[in-house]
Amino acid sequence: MKANFENRSDIIRDMNNKAILYVNKEKLLDYKSKKELTNKYDNLTSDINNIKNEIKDLKNNLKELISCMKETLQNENRKIN
């Protein structure tokens, strides 16, 4: 059984276990909506950081590849001369 708590319609008391329950559905929906947006923001932020790290890795790999190519070209030029 449930009863209003201190004449408020947004709070009830569960008479079985004496728990006080907040039952404002509009605020609950607002909370869930904000929580969902926060989760989406966090996921997007994580995705962006992952992409940044992948770009850094690609840049480093390209630099290493260019360096190896230069070294190979220099060695080939030495062989020709």
PDB file of N, CA and C in Angstrom:
ATOM      1  N   MET A   1       0.843  -1.189   0.000  1.00  0.00           N
ATOM      2  CA  MET A   1       0.000   0.000   0.000  1.00  0.00           C
ATOM      3  C   MET A   1       0.886   1.249   0.000  1.00  0.00           C
ATOM      4  N   LYS A   2       0.414   2.278  -0.699  1.00  0.00           N
ATOM      5  CA  LYS A   2       1.175   3.517  -0.781  1.00  0.00           C
ATOM      6  C   LYS A   2       0.308   4.684  -0.343  1.00  0.00           C
ATOM      7  N   ALA A   3       0.948   5.697   0.237  1.00  0.00           N
ATOM      8  CA  ALA A   3       0.220   6.873   0.713  1.00  0.00           C
ATOM      9  C   ALA A   3       1.028   8.120   0.399  1.00  0.00           C
ATOM     10  N   ASN A   4       0.318   9.229   0.156  1.00  0.00           N
ATOM     11  CA  ASN A   4       1.015  10.498  -0.066  1.00  0.00           C
ATOM     12  C   ASN A   4       1.838  10.846   1.159  1.00  0.00           C
ATOM     13  N   PHE A   5       2.947  11.509   0.910  1.00  0.00           N
ATOM     14  CA  PHE A   5       3.865  11.861   1.991  1.00  0.00           C
ATOM     15  C   PHE A   5       3.770  13.356   2.250  1.00  0.00           C
ATOM     16  N   GLU A   6       3.389  13.732   3.425  1.00  0.00           N
ATOM     17  CA  GLU A   6       3.287  15.130   3.854  1.00  0.00           C
ATOM     18  C   GLU A   6       2.518  15.983   2.844  1.00  0.00           C
ATOM     19  N   ASN A   7       1.396  15.462   2.376  1.00  0.00           N
ATOM     20  CA  ASN A   7       0.499  16.178   1.462  1.00  0.00           C
ATOM     21  C   ASN A   7       1.159  16.620   0.161  1.00  0.00           C
ATOM     22  N   ARG A   8       2.133  15.878  -0.296  1.00  0.00           N
ATOM     23  CA  ARG A   8       2.782  16.168  -1.584  1.00  0.00           C
ATOM     24  C   ARG A   8       2.404  15.073  -2.563  1.00  0.00           C
ATOM     25  N   SER A   9       2.063  15.495  -3.784  1.00  0.00           N
ATOM     26  CA  SER A   9       1.643  14.503  -4.777  1.00  0.00           C
ATOM     27  C   SER A   9       2.835  13.863  -5.486  1.00  0.00           C
ATOM     28  N   ASP A  10       4.016  14.463  -5.360  1.00  0.00           N
ATOM     29  CA  ASP A  10       5.186  13.924  -6.058  1.00  0.00           C
ATOM     30  C   ASP A  10       6.010  12.975  -5.187  1.00  0.00           C
ATOM     31  N   ILE A  11       5.609  12.807  -3.921  1.00  0.00           N
ATOM     32  CA  ILE A  11       6.315  11.910  -3.012  1.00  0.00           C
ATOM     33  C   ILE A  11       5.282  11.012  -2.325  1.00  0.00           C
ATOM     34  N   ILE A  12       5.585   9.714  -2.300  1.00  0.00           N
ATOM     35  CA  ILE A  12       4.700   8.786  -1.601  1.00  0.00           C
ATOM     36  C   ILE A  12       5.523   7.924  -0.647  1.00  0.00           C
ATOM     37  N   ARG A  13       4.835   7.325   0.302  1.00  0.00           N
ATOM     38  CA  ARG A  13       5.491   6.395   1.215  1.00  0.00           C
ATOM     39  C   ARG A  13       4.911   5.012   0.954  1.00  0.00           C
ATOM     40  N   ASP A  14       5.825   4.054   0.757  1.00  0.00           N
ATOM     41  CA  ASP A  14       5.426   2.661   0.635  1.00  0.00           C
ATOM     42  C   ASP A  14       5.192   2.156   2.053  1.00  0.00           C
ATOM     43  N   MET A  15       3.959   1.834   2.351  1.00  0.00           N
ATOM     44  CA  MET A  15       3.602   1.461   3.720  1.00  0.00           C
ATOM     45  C   MET A  15       4.137   0.079   4.109  1.00  0.00           C
ATOM     46  N   ASN A  16       4.488  -0.743   3.117  1.00  0.00           N
ATOM     47  CA  ASN A  16       5.016  -2.070   3.428  1.00  0.00           C
ATOM     48  C   ASN A  16       6.425  -1.991   3.998  1.00  0.00           C
ATOM     49  N   ASN A  17       7.271  -1.168   3.365  1.00  0.00           N
ATOM     50  CA  ASN A  17       8.665  -1.107   3.833  1.00  0.00           C
ATOM     51  C   ASN A  17       9.072   0.284   4.309  1.00  0.00           C
ATOM     52  N   LYS A  18       8.108   1.197   4.355  1.00  0.00           N
ATOM     53  CA  LYS A  18       8.305   2.567   4.858  1.00  0.00           C
ATOM     54  C   LYS A  18       9.226   3.417   3.974  1.00  0.00           C
ATOM     55  N   ALA A  19       9.498   2.961   2.750  1.00  0.00           N
ATOM     56  CA  ALA A  19      10.356   3.717   1.836  1.00  0.00           C
ATOM     57  C   ALA A  19       9.623   4.958   1.349  1.00  0.00           C
ATOM     58  N   ILE A  20      10.380   6.024   1.146  1.00  0.00           N
ATOM     59  CA  ILE A  20       9.839   7.253   0.564  1.00  0.00           C
ATOM     60  C   ILE A  20      10.230   7.249  -0.901  1.00  0.00           C
ATOM     61  N   LEU A  21       9.242   7.383  -1.794  1.00  0.00           N
ATOM     62  CA  LEU A  21       9.474   7.288  -3.235  1.00  0.00           C
ATOM     63  C   LEU A  21       9.098   8.589  -3.925  1.00  0.00           C
ATOM     64  N   TYR A  22       9.970   9.046  -4.795  1.00  0.00           N
ATOM     65  CA  TYR A  22       9.715  10.241  -5.588  1.00  0.00           C
ATOM     66  C   TYR A  22       9.069   9.776  -6.874  1.00  0.00           C
ATOM     67  N   VAL A  23       7.903  10.305  -7.221  1.00  0.00           N
ATOM     68  CA  VAL A  23       7.138   9.768  -8.343  1.00  0.00           C
ATOM     69  C   VAL A  23       6.792  10.811  -9.406  1.00  0.00           C
ATOM     70  N   ASN A  24       7.602  11.848  -9.550  1.00  0.00           N
ATOM     71  CA  ASN A  24       7.348  12.862 -10.569  1.00  0.00           C
ATOM     72  C   ASN A  24       7.850  12.330 -11.912  1.00  0.00           C
ATOM     73  N   LYS A  25       6.927  11.867 -12.741  1.00  0.00           N
ATOM     74  CA  LYS A  25       7.293  11.224 -14.006  1.00  0.00           C
ATOM     75  C   LYS A  25       7.943  12.204 -14.983  1.00  0.00           C
ATOM     76  N   GLU A  26       7.494  13.440 -14.989  1.00  0.00           N
ATOM     77  CA  GLU A  26       8.069  14.441 -15.903  1.00  0.00           C
ATOM     78  C   GLU A  26       9.546  14.660 -15.600  1.00  0.00           C
ATOM     79  N   LYS A  27       9.869  14.796 -14.334  1.00  0.00           N
ATOM     80  CA  LYS A  27      11.269  14.985 -13.951  1.00  0.00           C
ATOM     81  C   LYS A  27      12.089  13.731 -14.213  1.00  0.00           C
ATOM     82  N   LEU A  28      11.481  12.568 -14.047  1.00  0.00           N
ATOM     83  CA  LEU A  28      12.169  11.316 -14.352  1.00  0.00           C
ATOM     84  C   LEU A  28      12.504  11.246 -15.842  1.00  0.00           C
ATOM     85  N   LEU A  29      11.551  11.617 -16.680  1.00  0.00           N
ATOM     86  CA  LEU A  29      11.795  11.622 -18.128  1.00  0.00           C
ATOM     87  C   LEU A  29      12.872  12.640 -18.492  1.00  0.00           C
ATOM     88  N   ASP A  30      12.836  13.812 -17.844  1.00  0.00           N
ATOM     89  CA  ASP A  30      13.888  14.814 -18.073  1.00  0.00           C
ATOM     90  C   ASP A  30      15.252  14.262 -17.682  1.00  0.00           C
ATOM     91  N   TYR A  31      15.310  13.593 -16.530  1.00  0.00           N
ATOM     92  CA  TYR A  31      16.566  13.013 -16.062  1.00  0.00           C
ATOM     93  C   TYR A  31      17.073  11.974 -17.054  1.00  0.00           C
ATOM     94  N   LYS A  32      16.190  11.100 -17.510  1.00  0.00           N
ATOM     95  CA  LYS A  32      16.597  10.056 -18.455  1.00  0.00           C
ATOM     96  C   LYS A  32      17.077  10.671 -19.770  1.00  0.00           C
ATOM     97  N   SER A  33      16.405  11.717 -20.216  1.00  0.00           N
ATOM     98  CA  SER A  33      16.804  12.388 -21.450  1.00  0.00           C
ATOM     99  C   SER A  33      18.183  13.022 -21.309  1.00  0.00           C
ATOM    100  N   LYS A  34      18.418  13.698 -20.192  1.00  0.00           N
ATOM    101  CA  LYS A  34      19.718  14.313 -19.943  1.00  0.00           C
ATOM    102  C   LYS A  34      20.802  13.254 -19.806  1.00  0.00           C
ATOM    103  N   LYS A  35      20.474  12.150 -19.150  1.00  0.00           N
ATOM    104  CA  LYS A  35      21.430  11.057 -18.986  1.00  0.00           C
ATOM    105  C   LYS A  35      21.800  10.466 -20.349  1.00  0.00           C
ATOM    106  N   GLU A  36      20.823  10.310 -21.208  1.00  0.00           N
ATOM    107  CA  GLU A  36      21.070   9.789 -22.554  1.00  0.00           C
ATOM    108  C   GLU A  36      21.967  10.742 -23.347  1.00  0.00           C
ATOM    109  N   LEU A  37      21.690  12.034 -23.251  1.00  0.00           N
ATOM    110  CA  LEU A  37      22.526  13.021 -23.935  1.00  0.00           C
ATOM    111  C   LEU A  37      23.950  13.013 -23.400  1.00  0.00           C
ATOM    112  N   THR A  38      24.078  12.880 -22.093  1.00  0.00           N
ATOM    113  CA  THR A  38      25.410  12.812 -21.479  1.00  0.00           C
ATOM    114  C   THR A  38      26.162  11.585 -21.976  1.00  0.00           C
ATOM    115  N   ASN A  39      25.485  10.451 -22.047  1.00  0.00           N
ATOM    116  CA  ASN A  39      26.117   9.232 -22.545  1.00  0.00           C
ATOM    117  C   ASN A  39      26.541   9.384 -24.000  1.00  0.00           C
ATOM    118  N   LYS A  40      25.678   9.996 -24.813  1.00  0.00           N
ATOM    119  CA  LYS A  40      26.027  10.220 -26.221  1.00  0.00           C
ATOM    120  C   LYS A  40      27.239  11.143 -26.329  1.00  0.00           C
ATOM    121  N   TYR A  41      27.254  12.196 -25.521  1.00  0.00           N
ATOM    122  CA  TYR A  41      28.379  13.129 -25.519  1.00  0.00           C
ATOM    123  C   TYR A  41      29.669  12.405 -25.130  1.00  0.00           C
ATOM    124  N   ASP A  42      29.590  11.606 -24.074  1.00  0.00           N
ATOM    125  CA  ASP A  42      30.771  10.859 -23.621  1.00  0.00           C
ATOM    126  C   ASP A  42      31.261   9.899 -24.698  1.00  0.00           C
ATOM    127  N   ASN A  43      30.326   9.216 -25.364  1.00  0.00           N
ATOM    128  CA  ASN A  43      30.705   8.294 -26.438  1.00  0.00           C
ATOM    129  C   ASN A  43      31.341   9.026 -27.606  1.00  0.00           C
ATOM    130  N   LEU A  44      30.777  10.169 -27.980  1.00  0.00           N
ATOM    131  CA  LEU A  44      31.347  10.956 -29.079  1.00  0.00           C
ATOM    132  C   LEU A  44      32.737  11.474 -28.714  1.00  0.00           C
ATOM    133  N   THR A  45      32.887  11.919 -27.482  1.00  0.00           N
ATOM    134  CA  THR A  45      34.187  12.397 -27.021  1.00  0.00           C
ATOM    135  C   THR A  45      35.217  11.273 -27.077  1.00  0.00           C
ATOM    136  N   SER A  46      34.809  10.095 -26.650  1.00  0.00           N
ATOM    137  CA  SER A  46      35.704   8.943 -26.705  1.00  0.00           C
ATOM    138  C   SER A  46      36.058   8.600 -28.152  1.00  0.00           C
ATOM    139  N   ASP A  47      35.068   8.621 -29.022  1.00  0.00           N
ATOM    140  CA  ASP A  47      35.316   8.345 -30.446  1.00  0.00           C
ATOM    141  C   ASP A  47      36.290   9.351 -31.043  1.00  0.00           C
ATOM    142  N   ILE A  48      36.106  10.614 -30.721  1.00  0.00           N
ATOM    143  CA  ILE A  48      36.997  11.667 -31.237  1.00  0.00           C
ATOM    144  C   ILE A  48      38.420  11.449 -30.740  1.00  0.00           C
ATOM    145  N   ASN A  49      38.558  11.115 -29.465  1.00  0.00           N
ATOM    146  CA  ASN A  49      39.899  10.868 -28.920  1.00  0.00           C
ATOM    147  C   ASN A  49      40.547   9.654 -29.575  1.00  0.00           C
ATOM    148  N   ASN A  50      39.751   8.620 -29.853  1.00  0.00           N
ATOM    149  CA  ASN A  50      40.276   7.454 -30.557  1.00  0.00           C
ATOM    150  C   ASN A  50      40.738   7.817 -31.961  1.00  0.00           C
ATOM    151  N   ILE A  51      39.957   8.631 -32.649  1.00  0.00           N
ATOM    152  CA  ILE A  51      40.326   9.065 -33.997  1.00  0.00           C
ATOM    153  C   ILE A  51      41.606   9.897 -33.960  1.00  0.00           C
ATOM    154  N   LYS A  52      41.719  10.775 -32.974  1.00  0.00           N
ATOM    155  CA  LYS A  52      42.947  11.575 -32.829  1.00  0.00           C
ATOM    156  C   LYS A  52      44.164  10.666 -32.650  1.00  0.00           C
ATOM    157  N   ASN A  53      44.025   9.663 -31.804  1.00  0.00           N
ATOM    158  CA  ASN A  53      45.138   8.735 -31.572  1.00  0.00           C
ATOM    159  C   ASN A  53      45.485   7.954 -32.837  1.00  0.00           C
ATOM    160  N   GLU A  54      44.472   7.551 -33.581  1.00  0.00           N
ATOM    161  CA  GLU A  54      44.717   6.831 -34.825  1.00  0.00           C
ATOM    162  C   GLU A  54      45.423   7.721 -35.847  1.00  0.00           C
ATOM    163  N   ILE A  55      45.045   8.980 -35.897  1.00  0.00           N
ATOM    164  CA  ILE A  55      45.707   9.920 -36.814  1.00  0.00           C
ATOM    165  C   ILE A  55      47.171  10.110 -36.410  1.00  0.00           C
ATOM    166  N   LYS A  56      47.415  10.228 -35.116  1.00  0.00           N
ATOM    167  CA  LYS A  56      48.808  10.339 -34.640  1.00  0.00           C
ATOM    168  C   LYS A  56      49.617   9.121 -35.061  1.00  0.00           C
ATOM    169  N   ASP A  57      49.017   7.935 -34.894  1.00  0.00           N
ATOM    170  CA  ASP A  57      49.702   6.700 -35.297  1.00  0.00           C
ATOM    171  C   ASP A  57      49.989   6.701 -36.794  1.00  0.00           C
ATOM    172  N   LEU A  58      49.021   7.118 -37.581  1.00  0.00           N
ATOM    173  CA  LEU A  58      49.210   7.180 -39.034  1.00  0.00           C
ATOM    174  C   LEU A  58      50.331   8.155 -39.409  1.00  0.00           C
ATOM    175  N   LYS A  59      50.339   9.305 -38.756  1.00  0.00           N
ATOM    176  CA  LYS A  59      51.397  10.283 -39.027  1.00  0.00           C
ATOM    177  C   LYS A  59      52.769   9.705 -38.693  1.00  0.00           C
ATOM    178  N   ASN A  60      52.861   9.040 -37.556  1.00  0.00           N
ATOM    179  CA  ASN A  60      54.138   8.434 -37.163  1.00  0.00           C
ATOM    180  C   ASN A  60      54.555   7.349 -38.151  1.00  0.00           C
ATOM    181  N   ASN A  61      53.602   6.548 -38.587  1.00  0.00           N
ATOM    182  CA  ASN A  61      53.908   5.507 -39.560  1.00  0.00           C
ATOM    183  C   ASN A  61      54.359   6.105 -40.889  1.00  0.00           C
ATOM    184  N   LEU A  62      53.724   7.179 -41.302  1.00  0.00           N
ATOM    185  CA  LEU A  62      54.122   7.848 -42.543  1.00  0.00           C
ATOM    186  C   LEU A  62      55.525   8.439 -42.426  1.00  0.00           C
ATOM    187  N   LYS A  63      55.804   9.046 -41.297  1.00  0.00           N
ATOM    188  CA  LYS A  63      57.140   9.603 -41.085  1.00  0.00           C
ATOM    189  C   LYS A  63      58.192   8.507 -41.148  1.00  0.00           C
ATOM    190  N   GLU A  64      57.885   7.381 -40.520  1.00  0.00           N
ATOM    191  CA  GLU A  64      58.822   6.256 -40.537  1.00  0.00           C
ATOM    192  C   GLU A  64      58.991   5.715 -41.957  1.00  0.00           C
ATOM    193  N   LEU A  65      57.908   5.613 -42.684  1.00  0.00           N
ATOM    194  CA  LEU A  65      57.966   5.141 -44.060  1.00  0.00           C
ATOM    195  C   LEU A  65      58.784   6.087 -44.936  1.00  0.00           C
ATOM    196  N   ILE A  66      58.577   7.369 -44.783  1.00  0.00           N
ATOM    197  CA  ILE A  66      59.330   8.364 -45.560  1.00  0.00           C
ATOM    198  C   ILE A  66      60.812   8.280 -45.219  1.00  0.00           C
ATOM    199  N   SER A  67      61.093   8.131 -43.950  1.00  0.00           N
ATOM    200  CA  SER A  67      62.484   8.013 -43.527  1.00  0.00           C
ATOM    201  C   SER A  67      63.135   6.772 -44.144  1.00  0.00           C
ATOM    202  N   CYS A  68      62.436   5.653 -44.140  1.00  0.00           N
ATOM    203  CA  CYS A  68      62.966   4.423 -44.738  1.00  0.00           C
ATOM    204  C   CYS A  68      63.156   4.581 -46.242  1.00  0.00           C
ATOM    205  N   MET A  69      62.223   5.257 -46.872  1.00  0.00           N
ATOM    206  CA  MET A  69      62.332   5.470 -48.320  1.00  0.00           C
ATOM    207  C   MET A  69      63.522   6.361 -48.645  1.00  0.00           C
ATOM    208  N   LYS A  70      63.723   7.399 -47.861  1.00  0.00           N
ATOM    209  CA  LYS A  70      64.875   8.280 -48.076  1.00  0.00           C
ATOM    210  C   LYS A  70      66.177   7.506 -47.912  1.00  0.00           C
ATOM    211  N   GLU A  71      66.223   6.701 -46.868  1.00  0.00           N
ATOM    212  CA  GLU A  71      67.427   5.906 -46.617  1.00  0.00           C
ATOM    213  C   GLU A  71      67.682   4.938 -47.774  1.00  0.00           C
ATOM    214  N   THR A  72      66.638   4.311 -48.255  1.00  0.00           N
ATOM    215  CA  THR A  72      66.771   3.381 -49.380  1.00  0.00           C
ATOM    216  C   THR A  72      67.254   4.108 -50.624  1.00  0.00           C
ATOM    217  N   LEU A  73      66.705   5.281 -50.869  1.00  0.00           N
ATOM    218  CA  LEU A  73      67.119   6.065 -52.040  1.00  0.00           C
ATOM    219  C   LEU A  73      68.580   6.498 -51.920  1.00  0.00           C
ATOM    220  N   GLN A  74      68.971   6.895 -50.735  1.00  0.00           N
ATOM    221  CA  GLN A  74      70.361   7.289 -50.523  1.00  0.00           C
ATOM    222  C   GLN A  74      71.289   6.104 -50.760  1.00  0.00           C
ATOM    223  N   ASN A  75      70.909   4.954 -50.282  1.00  0.00           N
ATOM    224  CA  ASN A  75      71.729   3.737 -50.504  1.00  0.00           C
ATOM    225  C   ASN A  75      71.786   3.384 -51.981  1.00  0.00           C
ATOM    226  N   GLU A  76      70.702   3.528 -52.696  1.00  0.00           N
ATOM    227  CA  GLU A  76      70.686   3.245 -54.126  1.00  0.00           C
ATOM    228  C   GLU A  76      71.568   4.243 -54.883  1.00  0.00           C
ATOM    229  N   ASN A  77      71.530   5.491 -54.460  1.00  0.00           N
ATOM    230  CA  ASN A  77      72.367   6.519 -55.105  1.00  0.00           C
ATOM    231  C   ASN A  77      73.836   6.232 -54.872  1.00  0.00           C
ATOM    232  N   ARG A  78      74.178   5.756 -53.697  1.00  0.00           N
ATOM    233  CA  ARG A  78      75.564   5.424 -53.392  1.00  0.00           C
ATOM    234  C   ARG A  78      76.059   4.266 -54.294  1.00  0.00           C
ATOM    235  N   LYS A  79      75.177   3.309 -54.516  1.00  0.00           N
ATOM    236  CA  LYS A  79      75.524   2.173 -55.371  1.00  0.00           C
ATOM    237  C   LYS A  79      75.768   2.616 -56.816  1.00  0.00           C
ATOM    238  N   ILE A  80      74.981   3.579 -57.254  1.00  0.00           N
ATOM    239  CA  ILE A  80      75.130   4.072 -58.628  1.00  0.00           C
ATOM    240  C   ILE A  80      76.411   4.867 -58.785  1.00  0.00           C
ATOM    241  N   ASN A  81      76.723   5.657 -57.816  1.00  0.00           N
ATOM    242  CA  ASN A  81      77.916   6.504 -57.896  1.00  0.00           C
ATOM    243  C   ASN A  81      79.106   5.694 -57.541  1.00  0.00           C
TER     244      ASN A  81
END
